[in-house]
Every structure is written in structure tokens, then in C-alpha cells.
Amino acid sequence: MDPSPPPAPSDATEIRPAGAHERVVFLDVLRGFALCGVFMSNVYMHFSGRYPPPKEGVAPLLPSPVDPAVHALYEFMLAGKAMTLFAFLFGLGFALQMGRAQARGAAVLPLYTRRLTVLLCLGLTHLFALWYGDILSMYAVAGFLLLLFRDFSSKRLLVWSLVLILGVPLVLTMLQRFVPLLASSAETLQAVAKQERAQAEAFQKQAQAVFDHGSYLETLRTNAAVHMKRVLRPVYFTFLLIPLGKFLLGLLAGRHRLLQEPGPHQPLLRKLLGWGLLVGVVGNGASLAVGALTRAGHIPRGTPWLFFMPTVSELGVLGLAAFYMAGFALLFQRASWQKGLSVLAPAGQMALTNYLCQTVISLLLFRGYGLGLGGKLGALACLTLIFSLFWVQVGLSHLWLSRFRFGPAEWLWRSLTYGKAQPMRRPPDMTPADVAA
């Protein structure tokens, strides 16, 4: 009897999602850590009523004796750092997808374009149906720009990333300060600036009143108005270009497999740990100190060297983000730490679902049509509440992935990207460890 013909081999160039065996557990762990920081930052700075800051500052929102210290600790340790890690991982994910497509001989451009288009649609829905602070749509737009850099050398990627991260804030600050002087006198500009500040404060007060007491439909209209005002400001472009610079750092790290294979890169990771801590402490410390002295009137606001402070602030954020990334990577090499840190992996694997759920949770807690907690929680109470809720998300992520391959939003994103419904149920022979792998 002739032997049965072998099964037809699958097309190596087939465009398909990554299999479970292709996931890098540590990246999900780091993404889970970043997701916790993003949740805490979004709630603390936006939903809790602290941003835009009230005219009288944030002091009334720090009622207990310990709250000012907690607020300062948040500003130093967390503000901006988690979002930097999130952007870094977005760029690294792009490098992973490019590598997988090239290994199969498939074209990366069509697939990634569809992926970004779906993400943009999800982001716009999130933005206009839920919250003006959406990052998904902005990441999708910056992701299209990232495609322009995919063939750059590593040196050019590093240079461009630093130009975008550190140079853009400086250029924007100087343009805002000096270009108007070419068209008018300093006195006229001061009068115009005063009028604009008064209008902005009135709008912020009106918007916050709607957020605190309005219905869902009323908050939708105000949400759209706030977003449009943000988009029309020149500073909005920094929200696009600075994350793009962080994408490039992630692309560079992914290309050299810094986090996919951290073992051979331990000397570099140790350098990033030490230098990141030093730069982070100096940059964040200087930024917080100068900000406090300026608000107190000890440093005049027109002092020329203050133009460099946005760059110093970004440098501090980048330093501490590198410190966190390198520290987690080094700890994950130890078996005793690996098991504990892996608890975060399911939350990171379901990052899109968890991010969208975080917005819904925040709206229900802090908006007027929910519990209306906006402006009512001190720093310690607010951050403790959100940190606790994140661990509820971690538990639910474990439970969900014990039964399904993807989170609901991840399933929708993949299905729309690949043009067909992806298998959702986890096969009986797939263990939870396989899901996280």
C-alpha cells in the first residue's frame, strides 16, 4: 500500500497572527506593569479633577497631612514614566512583527497598515464615545509615521529618537516664546495671554462642572469640545512627535533583541539601570524643584534658561523609564523573581481590553452620572483605590485567559486586521502557561 501523502505545507508567506509559542512572556509582564502606571496616572491627573489644574492649584485636593508627600512622590516616580514604557513597547512590538513577517517572507506593510487602521478606528470610538484622553488614535497616527523609519540604520534611529524626545519640547517652547514677538510688542502679548488664560480657565471650570454633574450625553458634548481645543493647540503636536521618538527607541531595542533575549545583554541592561536612575533622579528632581520655585515666584517666568526645562523633564522621564525597564529585565532573569513577576503577564497580554475597561471604570467612579468622586479624593485615597482596582483586573485577566486565547478587544482587533474571525476559545490541551507564552 502506498503511504498516505503528507499534508500540504502551510504557506510560509501567509499573513497570520503570531502563535502562542511566539509570545515573549517578559514583554507582557512589562506591559502589565506599564498598564498599572497608566491607569493610576490617567485617573489621578484627569478623572480625579486635578487636570486641568484648578485656578487655586491642587492644594485643595490634598486634604490630609500625607497627601502632599504622596503627590510629590507620584510626580517624581510615576508621572509620564508608565506612558513612556507603553510607547517604547509599541515600537518594540513593531520590530517583532517586522521580524516575524520577514522570517516568513511576507510583506509587513499591508498587514501593519490594516492593523493601524483598525487601531485608529478603535481609538476614535474610545475618544468620542468615552474620553478625550485617548492614546490609541494618537498611537495609530504615530505608527504610520513609524513606517517611514523601518529601514533606518540603528545609529539613525537613535539620533532621530533623541531629536524627537528632547529636541521637540525645546523647539516648541522657543517658538511659542519668540515667534509672537516678531508680530507684536511684549506688552500686547502679555495682555493677549492674560485674556486667553481667563478664557481657558472659564472653559475648564465649565467643562469640569459638566463632568462632575452632567449626564452621559452632556459629558459627550463637552468631551468632544475639550478634545477639539487640545487638537488646535500647537503643543498637541508634541503629543504625537515625542511618542514617535519613544517608538523609535522600542524599534531599536526590538531590532537588537534587547528584551527578547536579555541574557546576553545583561551588561547593557546594568548600564541602563545605573545611568537611568542617575538621569532620572537629576532630571525629575530639577524639574520638580524649578516648577515649585517658579510657582512660588522665586524664579521669574520669563527667565531664558527655563526654555530648557521641558527637555530636562523629558530626560528625567526617559531616565526613570529606562531604570524600570532594565530593572524588571534583570530581575526576570532570576527564577525566584520570574514566577512572581509573571503574575502581571495576563494583564499585559490583554492590555487593550484592560485599557478600555479602565476608562469605563474611571467614568463610573468619577463622572457625575456615576459615583461622582471627582474632586473628592485625596492623593493617597485616589492612588490606593486605583492600584487596588488594577489587581482586580489582573485577577480577571487570569480568569479570562484560562478559557480564551485573547481579550475581547484583542480578538476584535485581530479579527478585523486579518479579515476573518479568529478562534477565541482556548483548546482543552492548551494550558494557561501556553496562553501567556
Protein backbone atom coordinates (compact mmCIF):
# COMPACT_ATOMS: atom_id res chain seq x y z
CA MET A 1 0.00 0.00 0.00
CA ASP A 2 1.32 3.40 -0.91
CA PRO A 3 1.91 5.65 2.04
CA SER A 4 -0.56 8.44 2.56
CA PRO A 5 0.56 11.73 1.06
CA PRO A 6 1.93 14.18 3.58
CA PRO A 7 -0.26 17.12 4.46
CA ALA A 8 0.22 20.18 2.32
CA PRO A 9 2.66 22.52 3.99
CA SER A 10 1.31 25.84 5.09
CA ASP A 11 2.34 28.83 3.08
CA ALA A 12 5.32 30.37 4.83
CA THR A 13 4.32 33.76 3.48
CA GLU A 14 0.75 33.52 4.82
CA ILE A 15 -0.29 36.61 6.73
CA ARG A 16 -1.41 35.33 10.11
CA PRO A 17 -1.32 36.38 13.76
CA ALA A 18 1.53 35.30 16.00
CA GLY A 19 1.06 31.92 17.63
CA ALA A 20 1.12 31.40 21.39
CA HIS A 21 4.65 30.00 21.17
CA GLU A 22 5.84 33.27 19.60
CA ARG A 23 4.86 35.49 22.54
CA VAL A 24 7.58 36.81 24.84
CA VAL A 25 6.33 36.49 28.41
CA PHE A 26 8.57 39.24 29.78
CA LEU A 27 7.12 41.79 27.34
CA ASP A 28 3.64 41.02 28.68
CA VAL A 29 4.99 41.41 32.23
CA LEU A 30 6.49 44.81 31.43
CA ARG A 31 3.33 45.84 29.59
CA GLY A 32 1.27 44.84 32.63
CA PHE A 33 3.47 46.99 34.87
CA ALA A 34 3.15 49.93 32.47
CA LEU A 35 -0.62 49.41 32.31
CA CYS A 36 -0.87 49.76 36.08
CA GLY A 37 1.02 53.06 35.92
CA VAL A 38 -1.12 54.32 33.03
CA PHE A 39 -4.31 53.54 34.98
CA MET A 40 -3.08 55.37 38.07
CA SER A 41 -1.81 58.33 36.05
CA ASN A 42 -4.96 58.75 33.97
CA VAL A 43 -7.23 58.68 36.99
CA TYR A 44 -5.04 60.83 39.20
CA MET A 45 -4.27 63.52 36.64
CA HIS A 46 -7.53 63.61 34.67
CA PHE A 47 -10.57 61.92 36.14
CA SER A 48 -9.95 62.94 39.75
CA GLY A 49 -10.27 66.66 38.92
CA ARG A 50 -6.59 67.57 39.13
CA TYR A 51 -6.14 68.31 35.42
CA PRO A 52 -6.62 70.82 34.05
CA PRO A 53 -5.46 72.13 37.44
CA PRO A 54 -7.90 74.41 39.28
CA LYS A 55 -7.03 78.10 39.39
CA GLU A 56 -6.11 77.76 43.06
CA GLY A 57 -3.81 74.81 42.28
CA VAL A 58 -4.01 71.24 43.56
CA ALA A 59 -3.64 72.13 47.25
CA PRO A 60 -7.41 71.81 47.98
CA LEU A 61 -7.25 68.26 46.59
CA LEU A 62 -4.57 67.29 49.13
CA PRO A 63 -6.59 67.40 52.35
CA SER A 64 -4.64 65.05 54.63
CA PRO A 65 -1.13 65.74 56.00
CA VAL A 66 0.34 62.85 54.00
CA ASP A 67 -1.25 63.83 50.65
CA PRO A 68 1.33 66.47 49.62
CA ALA A 69 4.13 63.90 50.05
CA VAL A 70 2.15 61.30 48.08
CA HIS A 71 1.51 63.85 45.34
CA ALA A 72 5.22 64.71 45.12
CA LEU A 73 6.12 61.02 45.09
CA TYR A 74 3.66 60.43 42.25
CA GLU A 75 5.13 63.31 40.23
CA PHE A 76 8.64 62.02 40.77
CA MET A 77 8.17 58.27 40.37
CA LEU A 78 5.22 57.75 38.03
CA ALA A 79 4.07 60.78 36.04
CA GLY A 80 4.98 60.19 32.39
CA LYS A 81 7.11 57.12 33.06
CA ALA A 82 4.43 54.47 32.55
CA MET A 83 3.28 56.08 29.30
CA THR A 84 6.90 56.16 28.12
CA LEU A 85 7.19 52.41 28.72
CA PHE A 86 3.90 51.88 26.88
CA ALA A 87 5.18 53.83 23.86
CA PHE A 88 8.52 52.00 23.98
CA LEU A 89 6.72 48.64 23.92
CA PHE A 90 4.59 49.77 20.98
CA GLY A 91 7.75 50.38 18.93
CA LEU A 92 9.26 47.11 20.11
CA GLY A 93 6.11 45.28 19.06
CA PHE A 94 6.50 46.78 15.59
CA ALA A 95 10.04 45.37 15.44
CA LEU A 96 8.74 41.93 16.45
CA GLN A 97 6.08 41.96 13.75
CA MET A 98 8.59 43.07 11.13
CA GLY A 99 10.95 40.27 12.13
CA ARG A 100 8.23 37.62 12.01
CA ALA A 101 6.96 38.81 8.62
CA GLN A 102 10.47 38.86 7.17
CA ALA A 103 11.18 35.37 8.52
CA ARG A 104 8.11 34.11 6.65
CA GLY A 105 8.94 36.14 3.56
CA ALA A 106 5.70 38.13 3.92
CA ALA A 107 5.26 41.84 3.28
CA VAL A 108 4.92 43.78 6.54
CA LEU A 109 3.46 46.99 5.07
CA PRO A 110 -0.06 45.78 4.11
CA LEU A 111 -0.57 43.93 7.37
CA TYR A 112 0.69 46.72 9.58
CA THR A 113 -1.31 49.34 7.67
CA ARG A 114 -4.52 47.38 8.30
CA ARG A 115 -3.54 46.89 11.93
CA LEU A 116 -3.02 50.63 12.44
CA THR A 117 -6.25 51.50 10.60
CA VAL A 118 -8.25 49.24 12.92
CA LEU A 119 -6.46 50.72 15.95
CA LEU A 120 -7.28 54.23 14.71
CA CYS A 121 -10.97 53.35 14.43
CA LEU A 122 -10.96 51.83 17.92
CA GLY A 123 -9.20 54.90 19.27
CA LEU A 124 -11.61 57.37 17.68
CA THR A 125 -14.55 55.40 19.07
CA HIS A 126 -12.93 55.44 22.51
CA LEU A 127 -12.19 59.16 22.19
CA PHE A 128 -15.63 60.40 21.19
CA ALA A 129 -17.78 57.82 22.99
CA LEU A 130 -15.87 57.77 26.28
CA TRP A 131 -12.91 60.07 26.99
CA TYR A 132 -10.92 62.86 25.34
CA GLY A 133 -7.64 61.48 26.74
CA ASP A 134 -7.49 58.53 24.32
CA ILE A 135 -3.98 57.48 23.25
CA LEU A 136 -4.95 54.75 20.79
CA SER A 137 -5.78 57.11 17.92
CA MET A 138 -2.61 59.11 18.53
CA TYR A 139 -0.51 55.94 18.62
CA ALA A 140 -2.09 54.80 15.36
CA VAL A 141 -1.19 58.08 13.61
CA ALA A 142 2.34 57.99 15.03
CA GLY A 143 2.51 54.34 13.99
CA PHE A 144 2.00 55.32 10.35
CA LEU A 145 4.93 57.72 10.72
CA LEU A 146 6.96 54.89 12.29
CA LEU A 147 6.77 53.04 8.98
CA LEU A 148 8.97 55.74 7.46
CA PHE A 149 11.81 54.74 9.80
CA ARG A 150 11.68 50.96 9.38
CA ASP A 151 14.76 50.79 7.11
CA PHE A 152 16.88 53.31 9.04
CA SER A 153 20.17 52.17 10.49
CA SER A 154 20.40 51.72 14.25
CA LYS A 155 22.51 54.88 14.58
CA ARG A 156 19.98 56.96 12.68
CA LEU A 157 17.14 55.55 14.76
CA LEU A 158 18.92 56.56 17.96
CA VAL A 159 19.66 60.07 16.70
CA TRP A 160 16.11 60.64 15.47
CA SER A 161 14.61 59.30 18.70
CA LEU A 162 16.66 61.71 20.82
CA VAL A 163 15.88 64.62 18.49
CA LEU A 164 12.15 63.96 18.79
CA ILE A 165 12.10 63.26 22.53
CA LEU A 166 14.47 66.00 23.68
CA GLY A 167 14.53 68.47 20.81
CA VAL A 168 10.83 68.90 20.06
CA PRO A 169 9.89 70.29 23.53
CA LEU A 170 12.73 72.83 23.32
CA VAL A 171 11.86 73.97 19.81
CA LEU A 172 8.16 74.28 20.63
CA THR A 173 8.85 76.29 23.79
CA MET A 174 11.09 78.73 21.94
CA LEU A 175 8.63 79.10 19.07
CA GLN A 176 5.82 79.89 21.48
CA ARG A 177 8.00 82.49 23.18
CA PHE A 178 9.80 84.24 20.33
CA VAL A 179 7.69 83.96 17.17
CA PRO A 180 4.81 86.09 18.56
CA LEU A 181 7.36 88.80 19.48
CA LEU A 182 8.06 89.25 15.76
CA ALA A 183 4.46 90.31 15.20
CA SER A 184 3.72 92.40 18.29
CA SER A 185 5.16 94.03 21.40
CA ALA A 186 5.77 92.25 24.66
CA GLU A 187 3.08 94.35 26.39
CA THR A 188 0.46 93.41 23.81
CA LEU A 189 1.39 89.77 24.06
CA GLN A 190 1.06 89.86 27.85
CA ALA A 191 -2.43 91.36 27.55
CA VAL A 192 -3.47 88.76 24.98
CA ALA A 193 -2.00 85.95 27.09
CA LYS A 194 -3.90 87.19 30.15
CA GLN A 195 -7.15 87.26 28.20
CA GLU A 196 -6.52 83.76 26.80
CA ARG A 197 -5.78 82.41 30.28
CA ALA A 198 -9.04 83.87 31.58
CA GLN A 199 -10.98 82.28 28.71
CA ALA A 200 -9.24 78.94 29.22
CA GLU A 201 -9.97 78.98 32.97
CA ALA A 202 -13.63 79.76 32.31
CA PHE A 203 -13.87 76.91 29.81
CA GLN A 204 -12.11 74.50 32.16
CA LYS A 205 -14.42 75.44 35.01
CA GLN A 206 -17.49 74.96 32.83
CA ALA A 207 -16.21 71.63 31.47
CA GLN A 208 -15.39 70.31 34.95
CA ALA A 209 -18.85 71.27 36.16
CA VAL A 210 -20.37 69.16 33.38
CA PHE A 211 -18.04 66.25 34.15
CA ASP A 212 -18.93 66.45 37.85
CA HIS A 213 -22.71 66.79 37.49
CA GLY A 214 -23.78 66.24 33.87
CA SER A 215 -25.47 63.30 32.18
CA TYR A 216 -23.66 60.95 29.83
CA LEU A 217 -24.87 62.83 26.73
CA GLU A 218 -23.86 66.18 28.23
CA THR A 219 -20.39 64.86 29.02
CA LEU A 220 -20.07 63.54 25.46
CA ARG A 221 -20.55 67.01 24.02
CA THR A 222 -18.10 68.53 26.50
CA ASN A 223 -15.66 65.68 25.90
CA ALA A 224 -15.63 66.48 22.15
CA ALA A 225 -15.21 70.20 22.85
CA VAL A 226 -12.23 69.58 25.15
CA HIS A 227 -10.61 67.34 22.55
CA MET A 228 -11.02 69.88 19.75
CA LYS A 229 -9.47 72.60 21.88
CA ARG A 230 -6.50 70.33 22.58
CA VAL A 231 -6.04 69.42 18.92
CA LEU A 232 -5.97 73.06 17.83
CA ARG A 233 -3.17 73.98 20.23
CA PRO A 234 0.41 73.87 18.85
CA VAL A 235 1.53 71.82 21.86
CA TYR A 236 -0.69 68.97 20.61
CA PHE A 237 1.95 68.08 18.04
CA THR A 238 4.35 67.24 20.85
CA PHE A 239 1.83 64.60 21.94
CA LEU A 240 2.45 63.00 18.55
CA LEU A 241 6.17 63.53 17.93
CA ILE A 242 7.51 62.72 21.39
CA PRO A 243 5.78 59.29 21.50
CA LEU A 244 7.11 58.68 17.98
CA GLY A 245 10.62 59.20 19.37
CA LYS A 246 9.88 56.62 22.06
CA PHE A 247 8.53 54.25 19.41
CA LEU A 248 11.90 54.54 17.69
CA LEU A 249 13.71 53.54 20.88
CA GLY A 250 11.46 50.49 21.10
CA LEU A 251 12.11 49.68 17.45
CA LEU A 252 15.85 49.92 18.09
CA ALA A 253 15.65 47.69 21.18
CA GLY A 254 13.49 45.16 19.34
CA ARG A 255 15.84 45.06 16.38
CA HIS A 256 18.74 44.14 18.69
CA ARG A 257 16.54 41.77 20.76
CA LEU A 258 17.34 43.61 23.98
CA LEU A 259 14.28 42.30 25.83
CA GLN A 260 13.50 39.20 23.78
CA GLU A 261 16.92 37.78 24.74
CA PRO A 262 18.00 39.79 27.81
CA GLY A 263 20.60 37.26 28.95
CA PRO A 264 23.37 38.26 26.50
CA HIS A 265 22.52 41.95 27.06
CA GLN A 266 22.89 42.00 30.84
CA PRO A 267 25.94 44.32 30.81
CA LEU A 268 23.99 46.89 28.76
CA LEU A 269 20.93 46.46 30.97
CA ARG A 270 23.04 47.12 34.07
CA LYS A 271 24.35 50.33 32.49
CA LEU A 272 20.81 51.39 31.67
CA LEU A 273 19.83 50.63 35.25
CA GLY A 274 22.56 52.81 36.76
CA TRP A 275 22.56 55.68 34.26
CA GLY A 276 18.76 55.65 34.04
CA LEU A 277 18.48 56.07 37.81
CA LEU A 278 21.05 58.89 37.84
CA VAL A 279 19.49 60.79 34.92
CA GLY A 280 16.00 60.16 36.25
CA VAL A 281 16.76 61.46 39.73
CA VAL A 282 18.56 64.56 38.45
CA GLY A 283 16.05 65.34 35.69
CA ASN A 284 12.91 64.79 37.74
CA GLY A 285 14.39 66.45 40.81
CA ALA A 286 15.38 69.55 38.85
CA SER A 287 12.02 69.71 37.09
CA LEU A 288 10.02 69.50 40.32
CA ALA A 289 12.27 71.95 42.17
CA VAL A 290 12.23 74.57 39.40
CA GLY A 291 8.46 74.19 39.00
CA ALA A 292 7.89 74.78 42.71
CA LEU A 293 10.24 77.78 42.82
CA THR A 294 8.60 79.29 39.73
CA ARG A 295 5.08 78.90 41.12
CA ALA A 296 6.26 80.50 44.38
CA GLY A 297 7.61 83.50 42.45
CA HIS A 298 11.28 82.91 43.32
CA ILE A 299 12.15 82.36 39.63
CA PRO A 300 10.67 84.83 37.10
CA ARG A 301 8.63 83.05 34.42
CA GLY A 302 10.49 84.81 31.60
CA THR A 303 13.92 83.56 32.69
CA PRO A 304 15.64 82.38 29.46
CA TRP A 305 17.03 79.11 30.80
CA LEU A 306 13.52 77.96 31.70
CA PHE A 307 13.12 77.14 28.00
CA PHE A 308 15.29 74.08 28.63
CA MET A 309 13.10 72.71 31.44
CA PRO A 310 10.65 70.77 29.22
CA THR A 311 13.66 68.97 27.75
CA VAL A 312 15.11 68.35 31.22
CA SER A 313 11.73 66.99 32.30
CA GLU A 314 11.58 64.60 29.32
CA LEU A 315 15.14 63.49 30.06
CA GLY A 316 14.14 62.69 33.64
CA VAL A 317 11.10 60.74 32.49
CA LEU A 318 13.19 58.80 29.99
CA GLY A 319 15.82 58.02 32.62
CA LEU A 320 13.42 56.55 35.17
CA ALA A 321 11.54 54.63 32.46
CA ALA A 322 14.86 53.07 31.40
CA PHE A 323 15.60 52.27 35.04
CA TYR A 324 12.27 50.47 35.44
CA MET A 325 12.66 48.60 32.16
CA ALA A 326 16.22 47.44 32.88
CA GLY A 327 15.40 46.57 36.49
CA PHE A 328 12.47 44.37 35.51
CA ALA A 329 14.51 42.71 32.76
CA LEU A 330 17.35 41.86 35.16
CA LEU A 331 15.02 40.61 37.89
CA PHE A 332 13.18 38.43 35.40
CA GLN A 333 16.39 36.50 34.79
CA ARG A 334 16.18 35.13 38.33
CA ALA A 335 13.88 32.15 38.82
CA SER A 336 12.73 33.40 42.22
CA TRP A 337 11.53 36.68 40.69
CA GLN A 338 10.33 35.31 37.37
CA LYS A 339 7.43 33.40 38.88
CA GLY A 340 6.22 36.37 40.89
CA LEU A 341 6.54 38.91 38.09
CA SER A 342 4.75 36.60 35.65
CA VAL A 343 1.55 37.28 37.58
CA LEU A 344 1.36 40.50 35.55
CA ALA A 345 1.64 38.76 32.16
CA PRO A 346 -2.09 38.09 31.54
CA ALA A 347 -2.94 41.74 32.24
CA GLY A 348 -0.25 42.76 29.75
CA GLN A 349 -1.46 40.27 27.18
CA MET A 350 -4.94 41.83 27.46
CA ALA A 351 -3.59 45.39 27.58
CA LEU A 352 -6.05 46.83 25.03
CA THR A 353 -9.08 45.33 26.76
CA ASN A 354 -7.84 46.41 30.17
CA TYR A 355 -7.02 49.93 28.95
CA LEU A 356 -10.55 50.40 27.58
CA CYS A 357 -12.07 48.93 30.74
CA GLN A 358 -10.01 51.33 32.82
CA THR A 359 -11.71 54.24 31.08
CA VAL A 360 -15.17 52.80 31.77
CA ILE A 361 -14.26 52.18 35.42
CA SER A 362 -12.92 55.73 35.78
CA LEU A 363 -16.02 57.28 34.23
CA LEU A 364 -18.32 55.31 36.53
CA LEU A 365 -16.27 56.29 39.58
CA PHE A 366 -15.58 59.95 38.91
CA ARG A 367 -18.17 61.38 36.50
CA GLY A 368 -21.45 62.88 37.64
CA TYR A 369 -23.56 60.13 36.08
CA GLY A 370 -21.54 57.61 38.14
CA LEU A 371 -20.43 57.87 41.75
CA GLY A 372 -19.24 61.45 41.24
CA LEU A 373 -15.95 61.12 43.13
CA GLY A 374 -14.21 63.83 41.06
CA GLY A 375 -12.53 66.37 43.34
CA LYS A 376 -13.45 64.40 46.48
CA LEU A 377 -10.47 62.07 46.98
CA GLY A 378 -7.08 62.99 48.35
CA ALA A 379 -3.90 61.76 46.69
CA LEU A 380 -3.40 58.71 48.91
CA ALA A 381 -7.02 57.58 48.73
CA CYS A 382 -7.21 58.05 44.97
CA LEU A 383 -4.00 56.21 44.12
CA THR A 384 -4.71 53.40 46.60
CA LEU A 385 -8.17 52.86 45.13
CA ILE A 386 -6.88 52.66 41.56
CA PHE A 387 -3.93 50.43 42.47
CA SER A 388 -6.36 48.02 44.15
CA LEU A 389 -8.69 48.04 41.15
CA PHE A 390 -5.79 47.20 38.86
CA TRP A 391 -5.16 44.00 40.79
CA VAL A 392 -8.81 43.11 40.30
CA GLN A 393 -8.09 43.47 36.57
CA VAL A 394 -5.08 41.18 36.94
CA GLY A 395 -7.25 38.50 38.56
CA LEU A 396 -9.94 38.82 35.90
CA SER A 397 -7.29 38.63 33.16
CA HIS A 398 -6.04 35.32 34.59
CA LEU A 399 -9.60 34.01 34.73
CA TRP A 400 -10.43 35.11 31.17
CA LEU A 401 -7.25 33.71 29.60
CA SER A 402 -7.83 30.37 31.31
CA ARG A 403 -10.76 29.99 28.92
CA PHE A 404 -9.97 32.16 25.91
CA ARG A 405 -7.00 32.89 23.67
CA PHE A 406 -7.36 36.69 23.64
CA GLY A 407 -9.08 39.51 25.44
CA PRO A 408 -12.32 40.72 23.76
CA ALA A 409 -10.74 43.89 22.33
CA GLU A 410 -7.65 41.98 21.19
CA TRP A 411 -9.90 39.44 19.45
CA LEU A 412 -11.77 42.23 17.65
CA TRP A 413 -8.51 43.94 16.65
CA ARG A 414 -7.01 40.73 15.27
CA SER A 415 -10.19 39.64 13.50
CA LEU A 416 -10.61 42.98 11.73
CA THR A 417 -6.90 43.11 10.89
CA TYR A 418 -6.80 39.64 9.32
CA GLY A 419 -10.24 39.90 7.74
CA LYS A 420 -11.73 36.86 9.47
CA ALA A 421 -12.88 35.85 12.92
CA GLN A 422 -10.00 34.45 14.94
CA PRO A 423 -10.51 31.30 17.09
CA MET A 424 -11.46 32.58 20.52
CA ARG A 425 -11.88 29.52 22.71
CA ARG A 426 -8.74 28.04 24.25
CA PRO A 427 -8.27 24.39 23.20
CA PRO A 428 -8.62 21.90 26.09
CA ASP A 429 -4.99 20.83 25.73
CA MET A 430 -3.66 24.41 25.99
CA THR A 431 -2.51 25.26 29.50
CA PRO A 432 -2.69 28.77 30.96
CA ALA A 433 1.09 28.95 30.62
CA ASP A 434 0.71 28.36 26.88
CA VAL A 435 -1.72 31.24 26.65
CA ALA A 436 0.75 33.61 28.28
CA ALA A 437 3.67 32.28 26.27
